[in-house]
Amino acid sequence: MVEMASYLQNILISFAGLTKTDISVSLSFWRKRKIPKGNYYNQQNVVCKDLGIVVKGIFRIYHYDPQTAEEKNIFFFSEGQFIVSFRSFIYQYPCNYYIEALEDAEIVYASYDDLQNLYLNHKSWEHFGRILAEHFFNQSQQRTEDLLFLSHEQRYLNLLKEHPNIVQRIASFHIASFLGIKNQSLSRIKKRIQENDDQVIF
């Protein structure tokens, strides 16, 4: 497993301007957890009680419709990213989504109560909480605008930028679900991109 202090420094100093001292006061609140492929970080209708950071692996957040038995992927989380169902976490009410490991994964995490303790007692951690809220607001807004304004191909290319090698790591139908298309349409997008790349002359 990852060495906790150095890993948190690598993530949190650049994310919210926390110092090594700020991180040291939080170390007793962070835990390590391994999540095997196919297991869940959190489940639908369960309150999300922890804020995690992905050390290893990739997760999907998806909604399951019991009437149609359809699963719809909303987000992916991979190495170095925060993992949480944020509305469920901040309001402490049941989550609308599942968060599933698509590979054998490792995370570090802190509980809602422990983070509230940090927010109340350390101004720098209160600032972290604000930056975190802005981060997830931006992520949610970006997802909405991508669905409204971008083509399927543009959304696919943005996904590749955010999660390098995701195509090699997870099944195509998960990516197709995220894009809101069928596997056949995803195959056509991949082929078109490959053809365009082949035409580039250096």
N, C-alpha and C. Protein backbone atom coordinates (compact mmCIF):
# COMPACT_ATOMS: atom_id res chain seq x y z
N MET A 1 0.84 -1.21 0.00
CA MET A 1 0.00 0.00 0.00
C MET A 1 0.87 1.26 0.00
N VAL A 2 0.29 2.34 -0.41
CA VAL A 2 0.99 3.60 -0.53
C VAL A 2 1.42 4.12 0.83
N GLU A 3 2.55 4.86 0.85
CA GLU A 3 2.96 5.55 2.06
C GLU A 3 2.08 6.79 2.19
N MET A 4 1.34 6.88 3.30
CA MET A 4 0.23 7.81 3.42
C MET A 4 0.65 9.28 3.29
N ALA A 5 1.61 9.71 4.09
CA ALA A 5 1.94 11.13 4.15
C ALA A 5 2.40 11.66 2.79
N SER A 6 3.31 10.95 2.13
CA SER A 6 3.83 11.44 0.86
C SER A 6 2.76 11.43 -0.22
N TYR A 7 1.89 10.43 -0.20
CA TYR A 7 0.83 10.38 -1.20
C TYR A 7 -0.12 11.55 -1.03
N LEU A 8 -0.55 11.81 0.21
CA LEU A 8 -1.46 12.92 0.47
C LEU A 8 -0.82 14.25 0.10
N GLN A 9 0.46 14.40 0.38
CA GLN A 9 1.17 15.63 0.00
C GLN A 9 1.13 15.83 -1.52
N ASN A 10 1.37 14.76 -2.26
CA ASN A 10 1.38 14.86 -3.73
C ASN A 10 0.04 15.32 -4.27
N ILE A 11 -1.05 14.90 -3.63
CA ILE A 11 -2.39 15.24 -4.11
C ILE A 11 -2.87 16.57 -3.55
N LEU A 12 -2.77 16.76 -2.25
CA LEU A 12 -3.47 17.85 -1.58
C LEU A 12 -2.75 19.19 -1.63
N ILE A 13 -1.43 19.18 -1.71
CA ILE A 13 -0.71 20.45 -1.78
C ILE A 13 -1.06 21.19 -3.07
N SER A 14 -1.07 20.49 -4.18
CA SER A 14 -1.39 21.13 -5.45
C SER A 14 -2.89 21.40 -5.58
N PHE A 15 -3.73 20.57 -4.98
CA PHE A 15 -5.18 20.71 -5.13
C PHE A 15 -5.72 21.92 -4.36
N ALA A 16 -5.29 22.08 -3.12
CA ALA A 16 -5.90 23.12 -2.28
C ALA A 16 -4.89 23.97 -1.53
N GLY A 17 -3.62 23.86 -1.89
CA GLY A 17 -2.62 24.69 -1.24
C GLY A 17 -2.34 24.33 0.20
N LEU A 18 -2.68 23.09 0.60
CA LEU A 18 -2.36 22.66 1.96
C LEU A 18 -0.85 22.50 2.10
N THR A 19 -0.36 22.71 3.31
CA THR A 19 1.06 22.54 3.59
C THR A 19 1.32 21.16 4.19
N LYS A 20 2.58 20.81 4.30
CA LYS A 20 2.92 19.54 4.95
C LYS A 20 2.44 19.51 6.39
N THR A 21 2.46 20.65 7.06
CA THR A 21 1.95 20.73 8.43
C THR A 21 0.45 20.49 8.46
N ASP A 22 -0.28 21.10 7.52
CA ASP A 22 -1.73 20.88 7.43
C ASP A 22 -2.03 19.40 7.26
N ILE A 23 -1.28 18.75 6.40
CA ILE A 23 -1.52 17.34 6.12
C ILE A 23 -1.14 16.47 7.31
N SER A 24 -0.10 16.86 8.03
CA SER A 24 0.33 16.05 9.19
C SER A 24 -0.75 16.01 10.27
N VAL A 25 -1.50 17.11 10.45
CA VAL A 25 -2.53 17.10 11.49
C VAL A 25 -3.72 16.23 11.10
N SER A 26 -3.79 15.87 9.80
CA SER A 26 -4.91 15.06 9.34
C SER A 26 -4.59 13.58 9.24
N LEU A 27 -3.33 13.21 9.42
CA LEU A 27 -2.90 11.84 9.11
C LEU A 27 -3.66 10.78 9.89
N SER A 28 -4.00 11.07 11.15
CA SER A 28 -4.71 10.07 11.97
C SER A 28 -6.13 9.81 11.47
N PHE A 29 -6.63 10.69 10.60
CA PHE A 29 -8.00 10.55 10.11
C PHE A 29 -8.09 9.74 8.81
N TRP A 30 -6.97 9.54 8.14
CA TRP A 30 -6.99 8.85 6.86
C TRP A 30 -6.76 7.36 7.05
N ARG A 31 -7.47 6.57 6.26
CA ARG A 31 -7.36 5.10 6.31
C ARG A 31 -7.05 4.58 4.90
N LYS A 32 -6.59 3.34 4.83
CA LYS A 32 -6.32 2.67 3.56
C LYS A 32 -7.33 1.55 3.36
N ARG A 33 -7.68 1.32 2.11
CA ARG A 33 -8.67 0.27 1.81
C ARG A 33 -8.40 -0.31 0.44
N LYS A 34 -8.45 -1.62 0.35
CA LYS A 34 -8.39 -2.31 -0.94
C LYS A 34 -9.81 -2.72 -1.33
N ILE A 35 -10.15 -2.50 -2.60
CA ILE A 35 -11.48 -2.83 -3.10
C ILE A 35 -11.30 -3.73 -4.33
N PRO A 36 -11.63 -5.02 -4.21
CA PRO A 36 -11.47 -5.92 -5.36
C PRO A 36 -12.38 -5.54 -6.53
N LYS A 37 -11.97 -5.92 -7.71
CA LYS A 37 -12.78 -5.69 -8.91
C LYS A 37 -14.18 -6.23 -8.72
N GLY A 38 -15.18 -5.41 -9.05
CA GLY A 38 -16.57 -5.82 -8.92
C GLY A 38 -17.19 -5.46 -7.59
N ASN A 39 -16.39 -5.04 -6.62
CA ASN A 39 -16.91 -4.60 -5.33
C ASN A 39 -17.18 -3.10 -5.36
N TYR A 40 -17.83 -2.62 -4.31
CA TYR A 40 -18.34 -1.26 -4.33
C TYR A 40 -17.65 -0.36 -3.30
N TYR A 41 -17.40 0.88 -3.71
CA TYR A 41 -17.00 1.93 -2.78
C TYR A 41 -18.23 2.42 -2.02
N ASN A 42 -19.34 2.57 -2.74
CA ASN A 42 -20.62 2.93 -2.13
C ASN A 42 -21.74 2.40 -3.01
N GLN A 43 -22.94 2.26 -2.42
CA GLN A 43 -24.04 1.67 -3.17
C GLN A 43 -25.27 2.57 -3.17
N GLN A 44 -26.11 2.35 -4.17
CA GLN A 44 -27.36 3.10 -4.31
C GLN A 44 -28.22 2.89 -3.07
N ASN A 45 -28.83 3.98 -2.60
CA ASN A 45 -29.70 3.99 -1.41
C ASN A 45 -28.94 3.85 -0.10
N VAL A 46 -27.61 4.00 -0.15
CA VAL A 46 -26.76 3.97 1.05
C VAL A 46 -26.07 5.33 1.16
N VAL A 47 -26.01 5.88 2.38
CA VAL A 47 -25.35 7.17 2.58
C VAL A 47 -23.85 7.02 2.35
N CYS A 48 -23.28 7.93 1.56
CA CYS A 48 -21.84 7.94 1.32
C CYS A 48 -21.16 8.63 2.50
N LYS A 49 -20.42 7.90 3.28
CA LYS A 49 -19.85 8.41 4.53
C LYS A 49 -18.38 8.77 4.44
N ASP A 50 -17.74 8.50 3.30
CA ASP A 50 -16.29 8.71 3.19
C ASP A 50 -15.93 9.48 1.93
N LEU A 51 -14.89 10.29 2.05
CA LEU A 51 -14.25 10.91 0.90
C LEU A 51 -12.96 10.15 0.62
N GLY A 52 -12.83 9.62 -0.59
CA GLY A 52 -11.66 8.82 -0.93
C GLY A 52 -10.80 9.49 -1.99
N ILE A 53 -9.58 9.00 -2.12
CA ILE A 53 -8.68 9.35 -3.21
C ILE A 53 -8.19 8.04 -3.82
N VAL A 54 -8.28 7.92 -5.12
CA VAL A 54 -7.88 6.68 -5.80
C VAL A 54 -6.36 6.60 -5.86
N VAL A 55 -5.82 5.56 -5.28
CA VAL A 55 -4.39 5.29 -5.35
C VAL A 55 -4.08 4.41 -6.56
N LYS A 56 -4.94 3.42 -6.77
CA LYS A 56 -4.75 2.45 -7.85
C LYS A 56 -6.11 1.97 -8.31
N GLY A 57 -6.27 1.86 -9.64
CA GLY A 57 -7.51 1.30 -10.15
C GLY A 57 -8.40 2.34 -10.80
N ILE A 58 -9.53 1.88 -11.29
CA ILE A 58 -10.51 2.75 -11.93
C ILE A 58 -11.91 2.33 -11.48
N PHE A 59 -12.75 3.32 -11.22
CA PHE A 59 -14.11 3.10 -10.74
C PHE A 59 -15.09 3.73 -11.71
N ARG A 60 -16.30 3.22 -11.71
CA ARG A 60 -17.39 3.88 -12.42
C ARG A 60 -18.46 4.27 -11.40
N ILE A 61 -19.11 5.40 -11.61
CA ILE A 61 -20.29 5.76 -10.84
C ILE A 61 -21.47 5.64 -11.80
N TYR A 62 -22.47 4.87 -11.39
CA TYR A 62 -23.59 4.61 -12.30
C TYR A 62 -24.90 4.54 -11.54
N HIS A 63 -25.97 4.79 -12.29
CA HIS A 63 -27.32 4.67 -11.74
C HIS A 63 -27.97 3.42 -12.30
N TYR A 64 -28.65 2.68 -11.42
CA TYR A 64 -29.38 1.48 -11.83
C TYR A 64 -30.88 1.75 -11.74
N ASP A 65 -31.58 1.55 -12.86
CA ASP A 65 -33.03 1.72 -12.90
C ASP A 65 -33.68 0.36 -12.70
N PRO A 66 -34.31 0.13 -11.55
CA PRO A 66 -34.89 -1.20 -11.28
C PRO A 66 -36.05 -1.55 -12.21
N GLN A 67 -36.69 -0.53 -12.81
CA GLN A 67 -37.82 -0.81 -13.71
C GLN A 67 -37.37 -1.36 -15.05
N THR A 68 -36.23 -0.86 -15.54
CA THR A 68 -35.74 -1.28 -16.84
C THR A 68 -34.51 -2.19 -16.73
N ALA A 69 -33.96 -2.30 -15.51
CA ALA A 69 -32.72 -3.05 -15.27
C ALA A 69 -31.54 -2.46 -16.05
N GLU A 70 -31.64 -1.17 -16.39
CA GLU A 70 -30.59 -0.50 -17.15
C GLU A 70 -29.60 0.17 -16.21
N GLU A 71 -28.31 0.06 -16.55
CA GLU A 71 -27.25 0.75 -15.84
C GLU A 71 -26.72 1.87 -16.74
N LYS A 72 -26.61 3.07 -16.17
CA LYS A 72 -26.13 4.21 -16.94
C LYS A 72 -24.91 4.81 -16.24
N ASN A 73 -23.76 4.76 -16.89
CA ASN A 73 -22.54 5.30 -16.30
C ASN A 73 -22.55 6.82 -16.36
N ILE A 74 -22.17 7.45 -15.23
CA ILE A 74 -22.20 8.90 -15.11
C ILE A 74 -20.79 9.48 -15.11
N PHE A 75 -19.89 8.90 -14.29
CA PHE A 75 -18.51 9.36 -14.18
C PHE A 75 -17.59 8.16 -14.05
N PHE A 76 -16.31 8.40 -14.32
CA PHE A 76 -15.25 7.47 -13.96
C PHE A 76 -14.29 8.19 -13.02
N PHE A 77 -13.69 7.43 -12.09
CA PHE A 77 -12.65 7.93 -11.22
C PHE A 77 -11.42 7.05 -11.40
N SER A 78 -10.25 7.68 -11.57
CA SER A 78 -9.01 6.91 -11.69
C SER A 78 -7.93 7.52 -10.81
N GLU A 79 -6.70 7.06 -10.97
CA GLU A 79 -5.62 7.38 -10.05
C GLU A 79 -5.46 8.89 -9.83
N GLY A 80 -5.31 9.26 -8.56
CA GLY A 80 -5.09 10.64 -8.18
C GLY A 80 -6.33 11.49 -8.08
N GLN A 81 -7.51 10.90 -8.33
CA GLN A 81 -8.76 11.65 -8.29
C GLN A 81 -9.54 11.35 -7.02
N PHE A 82 -10.33 12.35 -6.58
CA PHE A 82 -11.22 12.13 -5.45
C PHE A 82 -12.37 11.23 -5.88
N ILE A 83 -12.79 10.36 -4.97
CA ILE A 83 -13.90 9.46 -5.25
C ILE A 83 -14.94 9.60 -4.14
N VAL A 84 -16.17 9.95 -4.54
CA VAL A 84 -17.23 10.21 -3.58
C VAL A 84 -18.52 10.42 -4.36
N SER A 85 -19.65 10.16 -3.71
CA SER A 85 -20.93 10.65 -4.22
C SER A 85 -21.19 11.93 -3.44
N PHE A 86 -20.88 13.08 -4.05
CA PHE A 86 -20.67 14.29 -3.26
C PHE A 86 -21.94 14.79 -2.58
N ARG A 87 -23.07 14.81 -3.26
CA ARG A 87 -24.31 15.29 -2.62
C ARG A 87 -24.68 14.40 -1.45
N SER A 88 -24.58 13.10 -1.64
CA SER A 88 -24.86 12.17 -0.54
C SER A 88 -23.91 12.42 0.62
N PHE A 89 -22.66 12.69 0.30
CA PHE A 89 -21.64 12.90 1.33
C PHE A 89 -21.88 14.17 2.13
N ILE A 90 -22.11 15.30 1.45
CA ILE A 90 -22.22 16.56 2.18
C ILE A 90 -23.55 16.69 2.93
N TYR A 91 -24.62 16.07 2.42
CA TYR A 91 -25.91 16.16 3.09
C TYR A 91 -26.24 14.91 3.92
N GLN A 92 -25.41 13.88 3.78
CA GLN A 92 -25.59 12.64 4.54
C GLN A 92 -26.99 12.05 4.37
N TYR A 93 -27.40 11.94 3.11
CA TYR A 93 -28.62 11.20 2.81
C TYR A 93 -28.31 10.16 1.74
N PRO A 94 -29.21 9.18 1.55
CA PRO A 94 -28.89 8.05 0.68
C PRO A 94 -28.48 8.47 -0.73
N CYS A 95 -27.52 7.75 -1.24
CA CYS A 95 -26.94 8.01 -2.56
C CYS A 95 -27.85 7.49 -3.66
N ASN A 96 -27.85 8.18 -4.80
CA ASN A 96 -28.63 7.73 -5.96
C ASN A 96 -27.84 6.81 -6.89
N TYR A 97 -26.58 6.53 -6.53
CA TYR A 97 -25.68 5.85 -7.46
C TYR A 97 -24.90 4.72 -6.79
N TYR A 98 -24.39 3.84 -7.62
CA TYR A 98 -23.38 2.87 -7.22
C TYR A 98 -22.01 3.39 -7.65
N ILE A 99 -20.99 3.09 -6.86
CA ILE A 99 -19.60 3.36 -7.25
C ILE A 99 -18.86 2.03 -7.18
N GLU A 100 -18.51 1.48 -8.34
CA GLU A 100 -17.97 0.12 -8.46
C GLU A 100 -16.54 0.13 -8.98
N ALA A 101 -15.71 -0.72 -8.40
CA ALA A 101 -14.34 -0.89 -8.89
C ALA A 101 -14.35 -1.73 -10.17
N LEU A 102 -13.77 -1.21 -11.23
CA LEU A 102 -13.66 -1.95 -12.49
C LEU A 102 -12.33 -2.69 -12.61
N GLU A 103 -11.44 -2.45 -11.67
CA GLU A 103 -10.18 -3.18 -11.51
C GLU A 103 -9.96 -3.39 -10.01
N ASP A 104 -9.07 -4.29 -9.65
CA ASP A 104 -8.63 -4.35 -8.27
C ASP A 104 -8.05 -2.99 -7.91
N ALA A 105 -8.55 -2.39 -6.82
CA ALA A 105 -8.25 -0.99 -6.55
C ALA A 105 -7.79 -0.77 -5.12
N GLU A 106 -7.12 0.35 -4.92
CA GLU A 106 -6.73 0.80 -3.59
C GLU A 106 -7.10 2.27 -3.45
N ILE A 107 -7.56 2.64 -2.27
CA ILE A 107 -7.88 4.04 -1.99
C ILE A 107 -7.35 4.42 -0.62
N VAL A 108 -7.23 5.74 -0.39
CA VAL A 108 -7.13 6.27 0.96
C VAL A 108 -8.40 7.09 1.17
N TYR A 109 -8.90 7.12 2.39
CA TYR A 109 -10.18 7.80 2.62
C TYR A 109 -10.25 8.38 4.03
N ALA A 110 -11.11 9.39 4.17
CA ALA A 110 -11.42 9.98 5.47
C ALA A 110 -12.93 10.07 5.60
N SER A 111 -13.43 9.92 6.82
CA SER A 111 -14.87 9.92 7.04
C SER A 111 -15.44 11.34 7.06
N TYR A 112 -16.72 11.43 6.87
CA TYR A 112 -17.44 12.71 6.94
C TYR A 112 -17.19 13.38 8.29
N ASP A 113 -17.35 12.62 9.37
CA ASP A 113 -17.19 13.20 10.71
C ASP A 113 -15.77 13.72 10.94
N ASP A 114 -14.78 12.97 10.48
CA ASP A 114 -13.40 13.41 10.68
C ASP A 114 -13.08 14.66 9.86
N LEU A 115 -13.62 14.75 8.65
CA LEU A 115 -13.40 15.95 7.86
C LEU A 115 -14.09 17.16 8.48
N GLN A 116 -15.29 16.95 9.03
CA GLN A 116 -15.96 18.05 9.72
C GLN A 116 -15.12 18.54 10.90
N ASN A 117 -14.48 17.62 11.59
CA ASN A 117 -13.58 17.97 12.68
C ASN A 117 -12.44 18.85 12.17
N LEU A 118 -11.84 18.45 11.06
CA LEU A 118 -10.76 19.25 10.48
C LEU A 118 -11.26 20.63 10.05
N TYR A 119 -12.44 20.69 9.44
CA TYR A 119 -12.98 21.96 8.99
C TYR A 119 -13.18 22.93 10.16
N LEU A 120 -13.68 22.40 11.27
CA LEU A 120 -13.98 23.23 12.43
C LEU A 120 -12.73 23.73 13.14
N ASN A 121 -11.67 22.97 13.10
CA ASN A 121 -10.49 23.28 13.92
C ASN A 121 -9.29 23.82 13.15
N HIS A 122 -9.37 23.81 11.81
CA HIS A 122 -8.23 24.26 11.02
C HIS A 122 -8.72 25.05 9.81
N LYS A 123 -8.36 26.33 9.77
CA LYS A 123 -8.81 27.21 8.70
C LYS A 123 -8.39 26.70 7.33
N SER A 124 -7.20 26.14 7.24
CA SER A 124 -6.72 25.64 5.95
C SER A 124 -7.58 24.48 5.46
N TRP A 125 -8.07 23.66 6.37
CA TRP A 125 -8.93 22.55 5.96
C TRP A 125 -10.34 23.02 5.63
N GLU A 126 -10.78 24.10 6.26
CA GLU A 126 -12.05 24.70 5.86
C GLU A 126 -11.94 25.20 4.41
N HIS A 127 -10.79 25.79 4.09
CA HIS A 127 -10.52 26.22 2.71
C HIS A 127 -10.53 25.01 1.76
N PHE A 128 -9.94 23.90 2.18
CA PHE A 128 -9.97 22.67 1.38
C PHE A 128 -11.41 22.26 1.09
N GLY A 129 -12.28 22.33 2.09
CA GLY A 129 -13.68 21.95 1.89
C GLY A 129 -14.35 22.81 0.83
N ARG A 130 -14.04 24.11 0.80
CA ARG A 130 -14.61 25.00 -0.22
C ARG A 130 -14.08 24.64 -1.60
N ILE A 131 -12.78 24.41 -1.69
CA ILE A 131 -12.18 24.05 -2.98
C ILE A 131 -12.76 22.72 -3.47
N LEU A 132 -12.96 21.78 -2.55
CA LEU A 132 -13.54 20.49 -2.91
C LEU A 132 -14.94 20.66 -3.47
N ALA A 133 -15.76 21.50 -2.81
CA ALA A 133 -17.12 21.75 -3.30
C ALA A 133 -17.11 22.38 -4.68
N GLU A 134 -16.19 23.34 -4.89
CA GLU A 134 -16.07 23.97 -6.21
C GLU A 134 -15.65 22.96 -7.27
N HIS A 135 -14.76 22.05 -6.88
CA HIS A 135 -14.29 21.01 -7.80
C HIS A 135 -15.44 20.15 -8.28
N PHE A 136 -16.27 19.68 -7.35
CA PHE A 136 -17.36 18.78 -7.75
C PHE A 136 -18.49 19.52 -8.43
N PHE A 137 -18.70 20.80 -8.08
CA PHE A 137 -19.67 21.59 -8.83
C PHE A 137 -19.21 21.73 -10.28
N ASN A 138 -17.94 22.05 -10.47
CA ASN A 138 -17.40 22.19 -11.83
C ASN A 138 -17.50 20.88 -12.59
N GLN A 139 -17.19 19.76 -11.92
CA GLN A 139 -17.25 18.46 -12.57
C GLN A 139 -18.68 18.15 -13.04
N SER A 140 -19.64 18.44 -12.17
CA SER A 140 -21.04 18.18 -12.51
C SER A 140 -21.50 19.09 -13.65
N GLN A 141 -21.13 20.38 -13.58
CA GLN A 141 -21.51 21.33 -14.62
C GLN A 141 -20.87 20.94 -15.95
N GLN A 142 -19.61 20.51 -15.91
CA GLN A 142 -18.93 20.12 -17.13
C GLN A 142 -19.60 18.91 -17.79
N ARG A 143 -19.99 17.96 -16.96
CA ARG A 143 -20.68 16.78 -17.49
C ARG A 143 -21.99 17.18 -18.17
N THR A 144 -22.74 18.06 -17.54
CA THR A 144 -24.01 18.52 -18.12
C THR A 144 -23.78 19.24 -19.44
N GLU A 145 -22.78 20.14 -19.46
CA GLU A 145 -22.52 20.90 -20.68
C GLU A 145 -21.96 20.01 -21.79
N ASP A 146 -21.16 19.02 -21.43
CA ASP A 146 -20.66 18.08 -22.44
C ASP A 146 -21.81 17.36 -23.13
N LEU A 147 -22.79 16.94 -22.33
CA LEU A 147 -23.94 16.23 -22.89
C LEU A 147 -24.77 17.14 -23.78
N LEU A 148 -24.82 18.43 -23.44
CA LEU A 148 -25.63 19.37 -24.20
C LEU A 148 -24.95 19.84 -25.48
N PHE A 149 -23.64 20.10 -25.41
CA PHE A 149 -22.98 20.85 -26.46
C PHE A 149 -21.96 20.08 -27.29
N LEU A 150 -21.48 18.95 -26.78
CA LEU A 150 -20.42 18.23 -27.50
C LEU A 150 -20.97 17.02 -28.22
N SER A 151 -20.32 16.68 -29.31
CA SER A 151 -20.67 15.46 -30.04
C SER A 151 -20.17 14.25 -29.25
N HIS A 152 -20.65 13.08 -29.62
CA HIS A 152 -20.18 11.85 -28.98
C HIS A 152 -18.68 11.69 -29.15
N GLU A 153 -18.18 12.04 -30.33
CA GLU A 153 -16.75 11.91 -30.59
C GLU A 153 -15.94 12.87 -29.72
N GLN A 154 -16.40 14.09 -29.55
CA GLN A 154 -15.70 15.05 -28.70
C GLN A 154 -15.69 14.58 -27.24
N ARG A 155 -16.82 14.04 -26.80
CA ARG A 155 -16.89 13.54 -25.42
C ARG A 155 -15.94 12.35 -25.23
N TYR A 156 -15.84 11.53 -26.24
CA TYR A 156 -14.92 10.38 -26.19
C TYR A 156 -13.47 10.86 -26.09
N LEU A 157 -13.11 11.85 -26.90
CA LEU A 157 -11.74 12.36 -26.87
C LEU A 157 -11.42 13.01 -25.52
N ASN A 158 -12.39 13.73 -24.95
CA ASN A 158 -12.18 14.32 -23.62
C ASN A 158 -12.01 13.25 -22.56
N LEU A 159 -12.75 12.16 -22.69
CA LEU A 159 -12.62 11.05 -21.74
C LEU A 159 -11.21 10.47 -21.79
N LEU A 160 -10.67 10.33 -22.98
CA LEU A 160 -9.31 9.80 -23.12
C LEU A 160 -8.27 10.72 -22.49
N LYS A 161 -8.50 12.04 -22.56
CA LYS A 161 -7.58 12.99 -21.94
C LYS A 161 -7.61 12.87 -20.42
N GLU A 162 -8.80 12.71 -19.88
CA GLU A 162 -8.94 12.67 -18.42
C GLU A 162 -8.50 11.33 -17.84
N HIS A 163 -8.71 10.26 -18.57
CA HIS A 163 -8.39 8.92 -18.08
C HIS A 163 -7.54 8.19 -19.13
N PRO A 164 -6.23 8.47 -19.17
CA PRO A 164 -5.36 7.81 -20.15
C PRO A 164 -5.44 6.28 -20.04
N ASN A 165 -5.45 5.64 -21.18
CA ASN A 165 -5.47 4.17 -21.26
C ASN A 165 -6.77 3.53 -20.79
N ILE A 166 -7.83 4.33 -20.64
CA ILE A 166 -9.09 3.75 -20.16
C ILE A 166 -9.62 2.70 -21.14
N VAL A 167 -9.36 2.90 -22.42
CA VAL A 167 -9.84 1.95 -23.44
C VAL A 167 -9.22 0.58 -23.24
N GLN A 168 -7.96 0.56 -22.81
CA GLN A 168 -7.28 -0.71 -22.58
C GLN A 168 -7.65 -1.33 -21.23
N ARG A 169 -8.27 -0.57 -20.35
CA ARG A 169 -8.46 -1.01 -18.98
C ARG A 169 -9.87 -1.51 -18.67
N ILE A 170 -10.88 -1.02 -19.40
CA ILE A 170 -12.25 -1.41 -19.08
C ILE A 170 -12.99 -1.82 -20.35
N ALA A 171 -14.11 -2.52 -20.18
CA ALA A 171 -14.89 -3.01 -21.31
C ALA A 171 -15.51 -1.84 -22.09
N SER A 172 -15.60 -2.02 -23.40
CA SER A 172 -16.12 -0.96 -24.27
C SER A 172 -17.54 -0.56 -23.92
N PHE A 173 -18.35 -1.52 -23.46
CA PHE A 173 -19.75 -1.18 -23.19
C PHE A 173 -19.88 -0.18 -22.04
N HIS A 174 -18.89 -0.15 -21.14
CA HIS A 174 -18.91 0.86 -20.08
C HIS A 174 -18.68 2.26 -20.65
N ILE A 175 -17.77 2.36 -21.61
CA ILE A 175 -17.51 3.65 -22.25
C ILE A 175 -18.71 4.07 -23.08
N ALA A 176 -19.30 3.14 -23.80
CA ALA A 176 -20.49 3.44 -24.60
C ALA A 176 -21.63 3.95 -23.73
N SER A 177 -21.81 3.32 -22.56
CA SER A 177 -22.85 3.76 -21.64
C SER A 177 -22.60 5.19 -21.16
N PHE A 178 -21.35 5.50 -20.86
CA PHE A 178 -20.99 6.85 -20.43
C PHE A 178 -21.30 7.87 -21.52
N LEU A 179 -21.05 7.51 -22.77
CA LEU A 179 -21.28 8.42 -23.89
C LEU A 179 -22.74 8.47 -24.31
N GLY A 180 -23.54 7.51 -23.86
CA GLY A 180 -24.94 7.46 -24.23
C GLY A 180 -25.18 6.89 -25.61
N ILE A 181 -24.31 5.95 -26.01
CA ILE A 181 -24.42 5.34 -27.34
C ILE A 181 -24.30 3.82 -27.22
N LYS A 182 -24.49 3.14 -28.35
CA LYS A 182 -24.32 1.69 -28.40
C LYS A 182 -22.87 1.34 -28.76
N ASN A 183 -22.51 0.08 -28.50
CA ASN A 183 -21.15 -0.37 -28.80
C ASN A 183 -20.78 -0.17 -30.27
N GLN A 184 -21.76 -0.40 -31.16
CA GLN A 184 -21.47 -0.26 -32.59
C GLN A 184 -21.09 1.18 -32.93
N SER A 185 -21.78 2.14 -32.32
CA SER A 185 -21.47 3.55 -32.56
C SER A 185 -20.09 3.90 -32.01
N LEU A 186 -19.74 3.34 -30.87
CA LEU A 186 -18.41 3.57 -30.31
C LEU A 186 -17.34 3.01 -31.24
N SER A 187 -17.58 1.85 -31.80
CA SER A 187 -16.62 1.26 -32.74
C SER A 187 -16.41 2.16 -33.95
N ARG A 188 -17.49 2.78 -34.44
CA ARG A 188 -17.37 3.68 -35.59
C ARG A 188 -16.55 4.92 -35.22
N ILE A 189 -16.77 5.43 -34.02
CA ILE A 189 -16.00 6.60 -33.55
C ILE A 189 -14.52 6.25 -33.49
N LYS A 190 -14.19 5.11 -32.90
CA LYS A 190 -12.79 4.69 -32.81
C LYS A 190 -12.17 4.55 -34.20
N LYS A 191 -12.91 3.96 -35.12
CA LYS A 191 -12.40 3.76 -36.47
C LYS A 191 -12.16 5.10 -37.16
N ARG A 192 -13.10 6.04 -36.99
CA ARG A 192 -12.97 7.35 -37.63
C ARG A 192 -11.76 8.10 -37.07
N ILE A 193 -11.56 8.04 -35.77
CA ILE A 193 -10.41 8.70 -35.15
C ILE A 193 -9.11 8.09 -35.64
N GLN A 194 -9.08 6.76 -35.74
CA GLN A 194 -7.88 6.07 -36.22
C GLN A 194 -7.57 6.45 -37.66
N GLU A 195 -8.60 6.53 -38.48
CA GLU A 195 -8.40 6.92 -39.88
C GLU A 195 -7.86 8.33 -39.99
N ASN A 196 -8.38 9.23 -39.16
CA ASN A 196 -7.89 10.62 -39.16
C ASN A 196 -6.45 10.68 -38.70
N ASP A 197 -6.11 9.88 -37.70
CA ASP A 197 -4.72 9.85 -37.22
C ASP A 197 -3.78 9.32 -38.29
N ASP A 198 -4.25 8.34 -39.05
CA ASP A 198 -3.41 7.75 -40.10
C ASP A 198 -3.14 8.74 -41.23
N GLN A 199 -4.03 9.73 -41.39
CA GLN A 199 -3.88 10.70 -42.47
C GLN A 199 -2.95 11.85 -42.10
N VAL A 200 -2.60 11.94 -40.80
CA VAL A 200 -1.73 13.03 -40.37
C VAL A 200 -0.31 12.78 -40.89
N ILE A 201 0.27 13.79 -41.50
CA ILE A 201 1.63 13.67 -42.03
C ILE A 201 2.55 14.53 -41.19
N PHE A 202 3.60 13.90 -40.69
CA PHE A 202 4.56 14.62 -39.85
C PHE A 202 5.77 15.02 -40.70
